[in-house]
Amino acid sequence: MQALILVASLLGFIALTLGTALFVAAEFSLTALERSTVDNDYRTRGDLRSKQVRNAHRTLSFQLSGAQLGITITTLVTGYIAEPVLAQLFAPAFDAAGLPDGVTSAISLILALVIATSLSMILGELIPKNLAIAKPLPTARATAGPMSLFSAMFRWLINALNGTANWVVRRVGVEPAEELRSARSPQELGSLVRNSARHGALDPGTAALVDRSLQFGERTAEDLMSPRVTVESLDVHDTVRDLIIASSRTGYSRFPILDGGDLDNIVGVVHVKQAFTVAMADRASTELGSLARDVPVVPASLDGDSLMEQIRADGFQVAVVVDEYGGTAGIVTTEDLIEEIVGDVTDEHDDEQADVQSDGDGYICNGLLRIDELYDAIGYRAPEGQFDTLGGLLMFELGRIAAEGDVIDLPERVVASDEDDDRSNAESEQRWRARVVRMEGRRIDVVALTPINGSDSEASHG
């Protein structure tokens, strides 16, 4: 009879452990599921289990409380049954060893507690947890039926416990949520896209396009514009013939028209196609001031989405960007906006080189390359400072106007351990040495970057 009780107790221990596993699997699978995945499964299959999963996911707070209640009940009963039963199994072996009864009882109970707890943790919690995280939808479908039955039977108790917990949460100023937040911020979506690309779920090209699109709204007109030092312009007294020559020389189609040659006095913009509205005989005498058209003037701080709307509404697809003092900071066109999303766009008129080109172990970079673009291209993370471009960083470090041949080690940035970054902060970042290859007036035009090896880390200033 005692042997029968022992076997029944062991079977009960196994059954209760499986019950714990059921509740743990249900809990983790429901929290790991996205609402879109649940809704898509319901639309595709439309069976009872998909409906149960959808209902459970939309009453998540109630379901998690039910799972916690089930885990608590099965764990307590498991301990109550398993520990004395296992102790009885160990006791004869210790008695045969000649140990005193008190010692035998104590050791048996300790071993029973350790084994019962370990088995309950591994079989009842860790294994179902890992399974639910790896395969959340199949796990949720498998547990949906038993969970629905348990929730219906103990609804009154679950509501009481859940209501008490919600009351306490409200007392500390937080409103409880019944289901998980499905909306994601651009930063969260960008992180998901990059993780998906690293694990092969997204094509790298597609991931880069989506990531740039998500970041576009955070860019400002100052980030997106062509700075004033690169702007090609014409004067109000220049002629249509001068417009055609300038377009042929530069490959540009739109030109700001200046009054007195001052870029801060832009009277409008002309397009090369306007030249063909002027008779051939009049092109050498028709001044561009008569053809210039007004275009939007936007502040440098305007965000990318608003800037896109303004440029799309204008037929010339161009806007003048002004700084906080009212001076012209640069020009932004539709092409600038498109390149921010899809990358460099070139046509038969462009003779520009890529902003970042491989050069052996290093790179040849445009001095106007933005700091965030430099990070995307080579992984270098610049410290905070009063600069926006690679050239500005070098000027900041030099403390003077650069000269061709200047060499400087790019400064390191101390990364906080809680900073949101997809790269591992534990890994030391590559150090880089910069050399000014070419100047454009007082502006750094081309920079050569080479990696610094561990044996060549001494800072250098030219």
Protein backbone atom coordinates (compact mmCIF):
# COMPACT_ATOMS: atom_id res chain seq x y z
CA MET A 1 0.00 0.00 0.00
CA GLN A 2 2.81 2.35 0.90
CA ALA A 3 4.50 1.59 -2.44
CA LEU A 4 1.27 2.52 -4.24
CA ILE A 5 1.08 5.82 -2.39
CA LEU A 6 4.72 6.49 -3.26
CA VAL A 7 4.12 5.87 -6.97
CA ALA A 8 0.97 7.99 -6.93
CA SER A 9 2.88 10.81 -5.22
CA LEU A 10 5.66 10.69 -7.82
CA LEU A 11 3.09 10.75 -10.64
CA GLY A 12 1.40 13.68 -8.93
CA PHE A 13 4.76 15.48 -8.71
CA ILE A 14 5.31 15.00 -12.44
CA ALA A 15 1.76 16.11 -13.27
CA LEU A 16 2.06 19.25 -11.11
CA THR A 17 5.45 20.08 -12.66
CA LEU A 18 3.86 19.82 -16.11
CA GLY A 19 1.08 22.08 -14.85
CA THR A 20 3.65 24.66 -13.80
CA ALA A 21 5.25 24.33 -17.24
CA LEU A 22 1.87 24.97 -18.87
CA PHE A 23 1.29 28.22 -16.98
CA VAL A 24 4.88 29.43 -17.51
CA ALA A 25 4.70 28.67 -21.24
CA ALA A 26 1.38 30.50 -21.52
CA GLU A 27 2.72 33.54 -19.66
CA PHE A 28 5.90 33.98 -21.69
CA SER A 29 4.32 33.18 -25.06
CA LEU A 30 1.60 35.81 -24.60
CA THR A 31 4.11 38.50 -23.59
CA ALA A 32 6.42 37.61 -26.51
CA LEU A 33 3.68 37.88 -29.14
CA GLU A 34 3.09 41.02 -31.20
CA ARG A 35 -0.52 42.01 -31.74
CA SER A 36 -0.02 42.01 -35.52
CA THR A 37 1.10 38.37 -35.37
CA VAL A 38 -1.93 37.37 -33.29
CA ASP A 39 -4.37 39.20 -35.57
CA ASN A 40 -2.78 37.75 -38.69
CA ASP A 41 -3.04 34.21 -37.28
CA TYR A 42 -6.72 34.77 -36.49
CA ARG A 43 -7.43 36.13 -40.00
CA THR A 44 -5.52 33.28 -41.65
CA ARG A 45 -6.81 30.31 -39.64
CA GLY A 46 -9.92 31.56 -37.91
CA ASP A 47 -10.12 28.44 -35.73
CA LEU A 48 -10.99 28.13 -32.04
CA ARG A 49 -7.39 28.22 -30.82
CA SER A 50 -6.49 31.34 -32.78
CA LYS A 51 -9.60 33.00 -31.34
CA GLN A 52 -8.60 31.94 -27.81
CA VAL A 53 -5.08 33.32 -28.33
CA ARG A 54 -6.45 36.62 -29.62
CA ASN A 55 -8.86 36.97 -26.69
CA ALA A 56 -6.08 36.10 -24.22
CA HIS A 57 -3.68 38.61 -25.79
CA ARG A 58 -6.28 41.38 -25.57
CA THR A 59 -6.90 40.64 -21.88
CA LEU A 60 -3.24 40.20 -21.10
CA SER A 61 -3.27 41.58 -17.57
CA PHE A 62 -6.03 39.14 -16.56
CA GLN A 63 -4.32 36.20 -18.29
CA LEU A 64 -0.94 36.89 -16.69
CA SER A 65 -2.60 37.09 -13.28
CA GLY A 66 -4.22 33.73 -13.98
CA ALA A 67 -0.89 32.24 -15.04
CA GLN A 68 0.76 33.54 -11.87
CA LEU A 69 -2.03 32.04 -9.76
CA GLY A 70 -1.61 28.68 -11.53
CA ILE A 71 2.16 28.75 -11.06
CA THR A 72 1.78 29.54 -7.37
CA ILE A 73 -0.76 26.75 -6.76
CA THR A 74 1.16 24.05 -8.64
CA THR A 75 4.51 25.05 -7.11
CA LEU A 76 3.17 24.99 -3.54
CA VAL A 77 1.45 21.64 -3.99
CA THR A 78 4.52 20.22 -5.72
CA GLY A 79 6.69 21.15 -2.75
CA TYR A 80 4.14 19.76 -0.31
CA ILE A 81 4.02 16.39 -2.12
CA ALA A 82 7.53 15.96 -3.50
CA GLU A 83 9.76 16.78 -0.56
CA PRO A 84 8.46 14.17 1.93
CA VAL A 85 8.13 11.53 -0.82
CA LEU A 86 11.70 12.02 -2.02
CA ALA A 87 12.91 12.09 1.59
CA GLN A 88 11.37 8.64 2.09
CA LEU A 89 13.31 7.34 -0.91
CA PHE A 90 16.65 8.59 0.46
CA ALA A 91 16.14 7.60 4.10
CA PRO A 92 16.78 3.82 3.70
CA ALA A 93 20.14 4.45 2.07
CA PHE A 94 21.28 6.67 4.94
CA ASP A 95 19.93 4.22 7.53
CA ALA A 96 21.94 1.45 5.88
CA ALA A 97 25.02 3.63 6.22
CA GLY A 98 24.48 3.63 9.97
CA LEU A 99 23.69 7.31 10.38
CA PRO A 100 21.62 8.42 13.36
CA ASP A 101 17.90 8.95 12.77
CA GLY A 102 18.11 12.73 13.29
CA VAL A 103 20.95 13.11 10.77
CA THR A 104 19.22 10.79 8.27
CA SER A 105 16.01 12.82 8.47
CA ALA A 106 17.79 16.16 8.05
CA ILE A 107 19.96 15.06 5.11
CA SER A 108 17.02 13.36 3.39
CA LEU A 109 14.87 16.49 3.64
CA ILE A 110 17.68 18.73 2.36
CA LEU A 111 18.35 16.47 -0.64
CA ALA A 112 14.62 16.18 -1.33
CA LEU A 113 14.26 19.97 -1.23
CA VAL A 114 17.21 20.54 -3.58
CA ILE A 115 16.12 17.87 -6.09
CA ALA A 116 12.44 18.84 -6.04
CA THR A 117 13.23 22.54 -6.45
CA SER A 118 15.78 21.91 -9.22
CA LEU A 119 13.45 19.65 -11.18
CA SER A 120 10.56 22.08 -10.75
CA MET A 121 12.72 24.99 -11.88
CA ILE A 122 14.24 23.24 -14.91
CA LEU A 123 11.25 21.23 -16.12
CA GLY A 124 8.52 23.52 -14.91
CA GLU A 125 10.00 26.97 -15.60
CA LEU A 126 13.21 27.25 -17.61
CA ILE A 127 12.44 24.79 -20.40
CA PRO A 128 8.89 26.11 -21.09
CA LYS A 129 10.14 29.71 -20.81
CA ASN A 130 12.83 29.16 -23.46
CA LEU A 131 10.39 27.28 -25.67
CA ALA A 132 7.80 30.06 -25.42
CA ILE A 133 10.31 32.78 -26.29
CA ALA A 134 11.66 30.81 -29.26
CA LYS A 135 8.24 29.75 -30.60
CA PRO A 136 5.66 32.12 -29.08
CA LEU A 137 2.73 31.55 -31.45
CA PRO A 138 2.77 27.72 -31.50
CA THR A 139 3.24 27.72 -27.72
CA ALA A 140 0.36 30.14 -27.18
CA ARG A 141 -1.89 28.01 -29.41
CA ALA A 142 -0.92 24.85 -27.51
CA THR A 143 -1.67 26.38 -24.10
CA ALA A 144 -4.71 28.46 -25.09
CA GLY A 145 -7.32 25.76 -24.36
CA PRO A 146 -6.20 24.76 -20.85
CA MET A 147 -5.58 28.41 -19.92
CA SER A 148 -9.08 29.40 -21.03
CA LEU A 149 -10.58 26.63 -18.91
CA PHE A 150 -8.49 27.52 -15.85
CA SER A 151 -9.28 31.25 -16.22
CA ALA A 152 -13.00 30.52 -16.43
CA MET A 153 -12.93 28.33 -13.32
CA PHE A 154 -10.95 30.81 -11.18
CA ARG A 155 -12.18 34.06 -12.72
CA TRP A 156 -13.49 35.36 -9.39
CA LEU A 157 -10.16 34.82 -7.65
CA ILE A 158 -8.09 36.16 -10.53
CA ASN A 159 -10.24 39.31 -10.73
CA ALA A 160 -9.88 39.84 -6.99
CA LEU A 161 -6.09 39.48 -7.05
CA ASN A 162 -5.71 41.50 -10.24
CA GLY A 163 -7.99 44.24 -8.93
CA THR A 164 -5.98 44.51 -5.72
CA ALA A 165 -2.72 44.78 -7.67
CA ASN A 166 -4.19 47.42 -10.00
CA TRP A 167 -5.38 49.44 -7.01
CA VAL A 168 -1.86 49.48 -5.59
CA VAL A 169 -0.37 50.42 -8.96
CA ARG A 170 -2.81 53.35 -9.32
CA ARG A 171 -1.85 54.55 -5.85
CA VAL A 172 1.73 55.07 -7.07
CA GLY A 173 0.54 57.10 -10.06
CA VAL A 174 0.61 54.49 -12.84
CA GLU A 175 -2.43 53.47 -14.86
CA PRO A 176 -2.44 49.68 -15.46
CA ALA A 177 -2.63 48.49 -19.07
CA GLU A 178 -4.73 45.52 -20.11
CA GLU A 179 -2.60 44.69 -23.17
CA LEU A 180 0.94 45.30 -24.38
CA ARG A 181 1.76 48.54 -26.17
CA SER A 182 1.96 47.70 -29.88
CA ALA A 183 3.17 51.07 -31.12
CA ARG A 184 6.93 51.55 -31.53
CA SER A 185 9.03 54.69 -31.66
CA PRO A 186 11.29 55.35 -34.68
CA GLN A 187 14.29 54.46 -32.52
CA GLU A 188 12.76 51.13 -31.51
CA LEU A 189 11.79 50.33 -35.11
CA GLY A 190 15.27 51.21 -36.29
CA SER A 191 16.79 48.88 -33.72
CA LEU A 192 14.42 46.09 -34.80
CA VAL A 193 15.37 46.63 -38.44
CA ARG A 194 19.10 46.50 -37.72
CA ASN A 195 18.71 43.37 -35.57
CA SER A 196 16.64 41.72 -38.31
CA ALA A 197 19.35 42.49 -40.86
CA ARG A 198 22.10 41.08 -38.65
CA HIS A 199 20.16 37.83 -38.19
CA GLY A 200 19.36 37.50 -41.89
CA ALA A 201 15.63 38.18 -41.65
CA LEU A 202 15.98 41.34 -43.78
CA ASP A 203 18.11 42.01 -46.83
CA PRO A 204 20.87 44.50 -45.88
CA GLY A 205 19.83 46.90 -48.65
CA THR A 206 16.21 46.85 -47.53
CA ALA A 207 17.23 47.28 -43.89
CA ALA A 208 19.41 50.29 -44.74
CA LEU A 209 16.56 51.88 -46.73
CA VAL A 210 14.05 51.38 -43.90
CA ASP A 211 16.53 52.60 -41.28
CA ARG A 212 17.28 55.79 -43.25
CA SER A 213 13.56 56.40 -43.76
CA LEU A 214 12.93 56.11 -40.02
CA GLN A 215 15.76 58.52 -39.24
CA PHE A 216 14.70 61.03 -41.90
CA GLY A 217 12.14 62.77 -39.70
CA GLU A 218 14.79 63.42 -37.05
CA ARG A 219 17.05 65.24 -39.52
CA THR A 220 16.89 69.02 -39.80
CA ALA A 221 17.19 71.28 -42.82
CA GLU A 222 20.74 72.04 -41.68
CA ASP A 223 21.58 68.33 -41.84
CA LEU A 224 20.04 67.87 -45.29
CA MET A 225 21.14 71.01 -47.13
CA SER A 226 24.09 71.68 -49.40
CA PRO A 227 26.09 74.24 -47.35
CA ARG A 228 26.58 77.74 -48.75
CA VAL A 229 30.25 77.14 -49.52
CA THR A 230 29.23 74.57 -52.17
CA VAL A 231 26.34 76.55 -53.66
CA GLU A 232 26.73 77.65 -57.30
CA SER A 233 24.93 80.94 -57.90
CA LEU A 234 24.40 83.62 -60.53
CA ASP A 235 23.82 87.37 -60.35
CA VAL A 236 20.61 89.23 -61.22
CA HIS A 237 22.47 90.93 -64.08
CA ASP A 238 23.78 87.68 -65.55
CA THR A 239 22.04 86.62 -68.74
CA VAL A 240 20.26 83.51 -69.94
CA ARG A 241 23.41 82.69 -71.90
CA ASP A 242 25.36 82.73 -68.62
CA LEU A 243 22.75 80.36 -67.15
CA ILE A 244 23.26 77.84 -69.97
CA ILE A 245 27.04 78.03 -69.64
CA ALA A 246 26.87 77.55 -65.84
CA SER A 247 24.54 74.57 -66.20
CA SER A 248 26.85 72.98 -68.78
CA ARG A 249 29.88 73.55 -66.56
CA THR A 250 28.42 72.31 -63.29
CA GLY A 251 25.69 69.87 -64.33
CA TYR A 252 23.24 71.71 -62.05
CA SER A 253 19.80 72.73 -63.26
CA ARG A 254 18.78 75.23 -60.56
CA PHE A 255 20.70 78.33 -59.50
CA PRO A 256 20.05 80.93 -56.79
CA ILE A 257 20.00 84.45 -58.21
CA LEU A 258 21.84 86.98 -56.04
CA ASP A 259 21.59 90.73 -55.75
CA GLY A 260 25.06 92.20 -55.62
CA GLY A 261 26.77 88.81 -55.45
CA ASP A 262 25.79 88.34 -51.81
CA LEU A 263 24.43 84.87 -50.98
CA ASP A 264 22.46 86.43 -48.14
CA ASN A 265 20.50 88.44 -50.75
CA ILE A 266 18.82 85.73 -52.80
CA VAL A 267 16.07 87.22 -54.97
CA GLY A 268 14.90 83.87 -56.33
CA VAL A 269 15.91 80.75 -58.24
CA VAL A 270 16.04 80.00 -61.96
CA HIS A 271 15.86 76.63 -63.70
CA VAL A 272 17.83 75.91 -66.84
CA LYS A 273 14.64 74.88 -68.64
CA GLN A 274 13.53 78.52 -68.43
CA ALA A 275 16.31 79.32 -70.90
CA PHE A 276 14.30 77.56 -73.61
CA THR A 277 11.37 79.93 -73.08
CA VAL A 278 13.59 82.79 -74.25
CA ALA A 279 14.22 83.30 -77.94
CA MET A 280 17.73 82.45 -79.12
CA ALA A 281 18.41 86.02 -80.18
CA ASP A 282 17.41 87.38 -76.76
CA ARG A 283 19.39 85.02 -74.56
CA ALA A 284 22.51 87.17 -74.47
CA SER A 285 20.53 90.21 -73.36
CA THR A 286 17.82 88.82 -71.10
CA GLU A 287 18.86 89.19 -67.47
CA LEU A 288 18.14 86.43 -64.99
CA GLY A 289 16.57 88.87 -62.52
CA SER A 290 13.49 88.93 -64.77
CA LEU A 291 13.20 85.12 -64.69
CA ALA A 292 13.92 84.46 -61.01
CA ARG A 293 11.11 82.84 -59.08
CA ASP A 294 10.47 82.94 -55.36
CA VAL A 295 11.12 79.68 -53.49
CA PRO A 296 10.40 78.67 -49.88
CA VAL A 297 12.75 80.01 -47.21
CA VAL A 298 12.99 77.65 -44.23
CA PRO A 299 14.82 77.77 -40.89
CA ALA A 300 17.82 75.51 -40.41
CA SER A 301 16.01 73.78 -37.53
CA LEU A 302 13.01 72.61 -39.63
CA ASP A 303 12.56 68.83 -39.42
CA GLY A 304 12.88 66.58 -42.47
CA ASP A 305 9.18 65.70 -42.79
CA SER A 306 8.05 69.34 -42.76
CA LEU A 307 10.84 70.27 -45.15
CA MET A 308 9.73 67.55 -47.56
CA GLU A 309 6.18 68.94 -47.56
CA GLN A 310 7.34 72.46 -48.34
CA ILE A 311 9.64 71.40 -51.16
CA ARG A 312 7.02 69.09 -52.72
CA ALA A 313 4.53 71.95 -52.74
CA ASP A 314 6.95 74.15 -54.72
CA GLY A 315 7.33 73.59 -58.45
CA PHE A 316 11.07 74.25 -58.36
CA GLN A 317 11.63 71.57 -55.69
CA VAL A 318 14.18 73.71 -53.89
CA ALA A 319 14.29 75.75 -50.68
CA VAL A 320 16.67 78.27 -49.19
CA VAL A 321 17.84 77.44 -45.65
CA VAL A 322 18.57 80.35 -43.31
CA ASP A 323 20.34 80.28 -39.96
CA GLU A 324 19.17 81.85 -36.72
CA TYR A 325 20.67 85.21 -37.75
CA GLY A 326 18.78 85.32 -41.04
CA GLY A 327 21.78 84.58 -43.24
CA THR A 328 21.73 81.95 -45.95
CA ALA A 329 23.06 78.67 -44.56
CA GLY A 330 22.60 76.63 -47.72
CA ILE A 331 20.24 75.24 -50.34
CA VAL A 332 18.21 72.04 -50.12
CA THR A 333 16.65 70.26 -53.09
CA THR A 334 14.51 67.21 -53.66
CA GLU A 335 17.65 65.31 -54.65
CA ASP A 336 19.19 66.08 -51.24
CA LEU A 337 16.13 64.62 -49.53
CA ILE A 338 16.04 61.52 -51.71
CA GLU A 339 19.76 60.88 -51.18
CA GLU A 340 19.23 61.00 -47.42
CA ILE A 341 16.90 58.00 -47.76
CA VAL A 342 18.26 55.95 -50.69
CA GLY A 343 21.91 57.03 -50.67
CA ASP A 344 23.88 58.88 -53.34
CA VAL A 345 21.97 59.46 -56.56
CA THR A 346 24.02 60.29 -59.65
CA ASP A 347 23.20 60.89 -63.28
CA GLU A 348 25.12 61.56 -66.49
CA HIS A 349 25.80 65.14 -65.39
CA ASP A 350 27.35 64.24 -62.05
CA ASP A 351 31.12 63.98 -61.79
CA GLU A 352 31.11 63.75 -58.02
CA GLN A 353 32.96 61.01 -56.20
CA ALA A 354 31.45 59.11 -53.29
CA ASP A 355 31.76 60.84 -49.94
CA VAL A 356 33.56 57.78 -48.54
CA GLN A 357 35.91 55.69 -50.68
CA SER A 358 38.03 52.74 -49.62
CA ASP A 359 41.77 53.32 -49.74
CA GLY A 360 43.66 50.21 -48.68
CA ASP A 361 42.97 49.72 -44.97
CA GLY A 362 41.58 53.24 -44.68
CA TYR A 363 39.24 55.65 -46.39
CA ILE A 364 39.22 58.89 -48.39
CA CYS A 365 36.40 61.07 -47.08
CA ASN A 366 34.71 64.31 -48.02
CA GLY A 367 35.41 66.98 -45.40
CA LEU A 368 31.71 67.88 -45.43
CA LEU A 369 30.71 64.34 -44.40
CA ARG A 370 28.34 64.57 -41.42
CA ILE A 371 29.43 62.96 -38.18
CA ASP A 372 26.47 60.56 -38.19
CA GLU A 373 27.27 59.56 -41.79
CA LEU A 374 30.89 58.96 -40.77
CA TYR A 375 29.64 56.62 -38.03
CA ASP A 376 27.44 54.72 -40.49
CA ALA A 377 30.32 54.42 -42.97
CA ILE A 378 33.25 53.35 -40.78
CA GLY A 379 31.84 52.94 -37.26
CA TYR A 380 33.73 55.88 -35.74
CA ARG A 381 31.79 57.54 -32.92
CA ALA A 382 32.82 61.17 -32.40
CA PRO A 383 32.55 62.89 -29.01
CA GLU A 384 30.07 65.69 -28.46
CA GLY A 385 31.28 69.07 -29.66
CA GLN A 386 30.57 72.25 -31.61
CA PHE A 387 30.84 70.63 -35.02
CA ASP A 388 28.63 68.76 -37.47
CA THR A 389 31.09 67.49 -40.10
CA LEU A 390 34.37 65.62 -40.30
CA GLY A 391 36.13 68.82 -41.34
CA GLY A 392 34.57 70.66 -38.41
CA LEU A 393 35.80 67.96 -36.03
CA LEU A 394 39.38 68.33 -37.29
CA MET A 395 39.22 72.14 -37.01
CA PHE A 396 37.85 71.78 -33.47
CA GLU A 397 40.70 69.48 -32.46
CA LEU A 398 43.38 71.58 -34.17
CA GLY A 399 42.11 74.83 -32.70
CA ARG A 400 43.03 76.68 -35.91
CA ILE A 401 42.43 76.73 -39.65
CA ALA A 402 43.75 73.47 -41.06
CA ALA A 403 46.48 73.18 -43.65
CA GLU A 404 47.14 70.45 -46.18
CA GLY A 405 49.22 67.73 -44.58
CA ASP A 406 47.93 68.24 -41.02
CA VAL A 407 47.67 64.92 -39.16
CA ILE A 408 45.58 64.31 -36.08
CA ASP A 409 44.29 61.28 -34.18
CA LEU A 410 40.53 61.40 -33.97
CA PRO A 411 39.38 61.66 -30.35
CA GLU A 412 37.64 58.78 -28.64
CA ARG A 413 34.17 59.01 -27.18
CA VAL A 414 33.36 57.52 -23.81
CA VAL A 415 30.21 55.45 -24.30
CA ALA A 416 27.82 55.13 -21.36
CA SER A 417 26.90 51.57 -20.50
CA ASP A 418 23.19 52.35 -20.86
CA GLU A 419 23.52 54.17 -24.18
CA ASP A 420 21.21 52.85 -26.90
CA ASP A 421 23.58 51.30 -29.38
CA ASP A 422 23.37 48.12 -31.44
CA ARG A 423 27.13 47.66 -31.32
CA SER A 424 28.58 46.04 -28.22
CA ASN A 425 29.94 48.62 -25.79
CA ALA A 426 32.23 46.00 -24.38
CA GLU A 427 34.30 45.98 -27.56
CA SER A 428 37.00 48.62 -27.89
CA GLU A 429 36.33 50.89 -30.84
CA GLN A 430 38.82 51.27 -33.66
CA ARG A 431 41.02 54.36 -33.40
CA TRP A 432 41.54 56.48 -36.52
CA ARG A 433 44.22 58.91 -37.75
CA ALA A 434 43.16 61.73 -40.07
CA ARG A 435 45.29 63.56 -42.62
CA VAL A 436 44.12 66.69 -44.44
CA VAL A 437 44.59 65.87 -48.13
CA ARG A 438 43.12 68.96 -49.75
CA MET A 439 41.78 72.35 -48.67
CA GLU A 440 39.11 74.39 -50.45
CA GLY A 441 39.93 77.90 -49.33
CA ARG A 442 39.64 77.74 -45.56
CA ARG A 443 37.48 74.63 -45.67
CA ILE A 444 38.76 71.06 -45.37
CA ASP A 445 37.78 69.39 -48.62
CA VAL A 446 39.31 65.88 -48.53
CA VAL A 447 40.48 63.81 -45.55
CA ALA A 448 42.35 60.50 -45.49
CA LEU A 449 41.51 58.20 -42.57
CA THR A 450 43.74 55.29 -41.59
CA PRO A 451 43.26 52.85 -38.71
CA ILE A 452 45.64 53.10 -35.77
CA ASN A 453 47.16 49.82 -34.65
CA GLY A 454 47.75 49.05 -31.00
CA SER A 455 51.49 49.72 -31.37
CA ASP A 456 50.90 53.07 -33.11
CA SER A 457 48.46 54.78 -30.74
CA GLU A 458 50.44 57.88 -29.81
CA ALA A 459 48.39 61.00 -30.61
CA SER A 460 49.71 63.14 -33.42
CA HIS A 461 49.04 66.73 -34.40
CA GLY A 462 50.52 68.22 -37.51
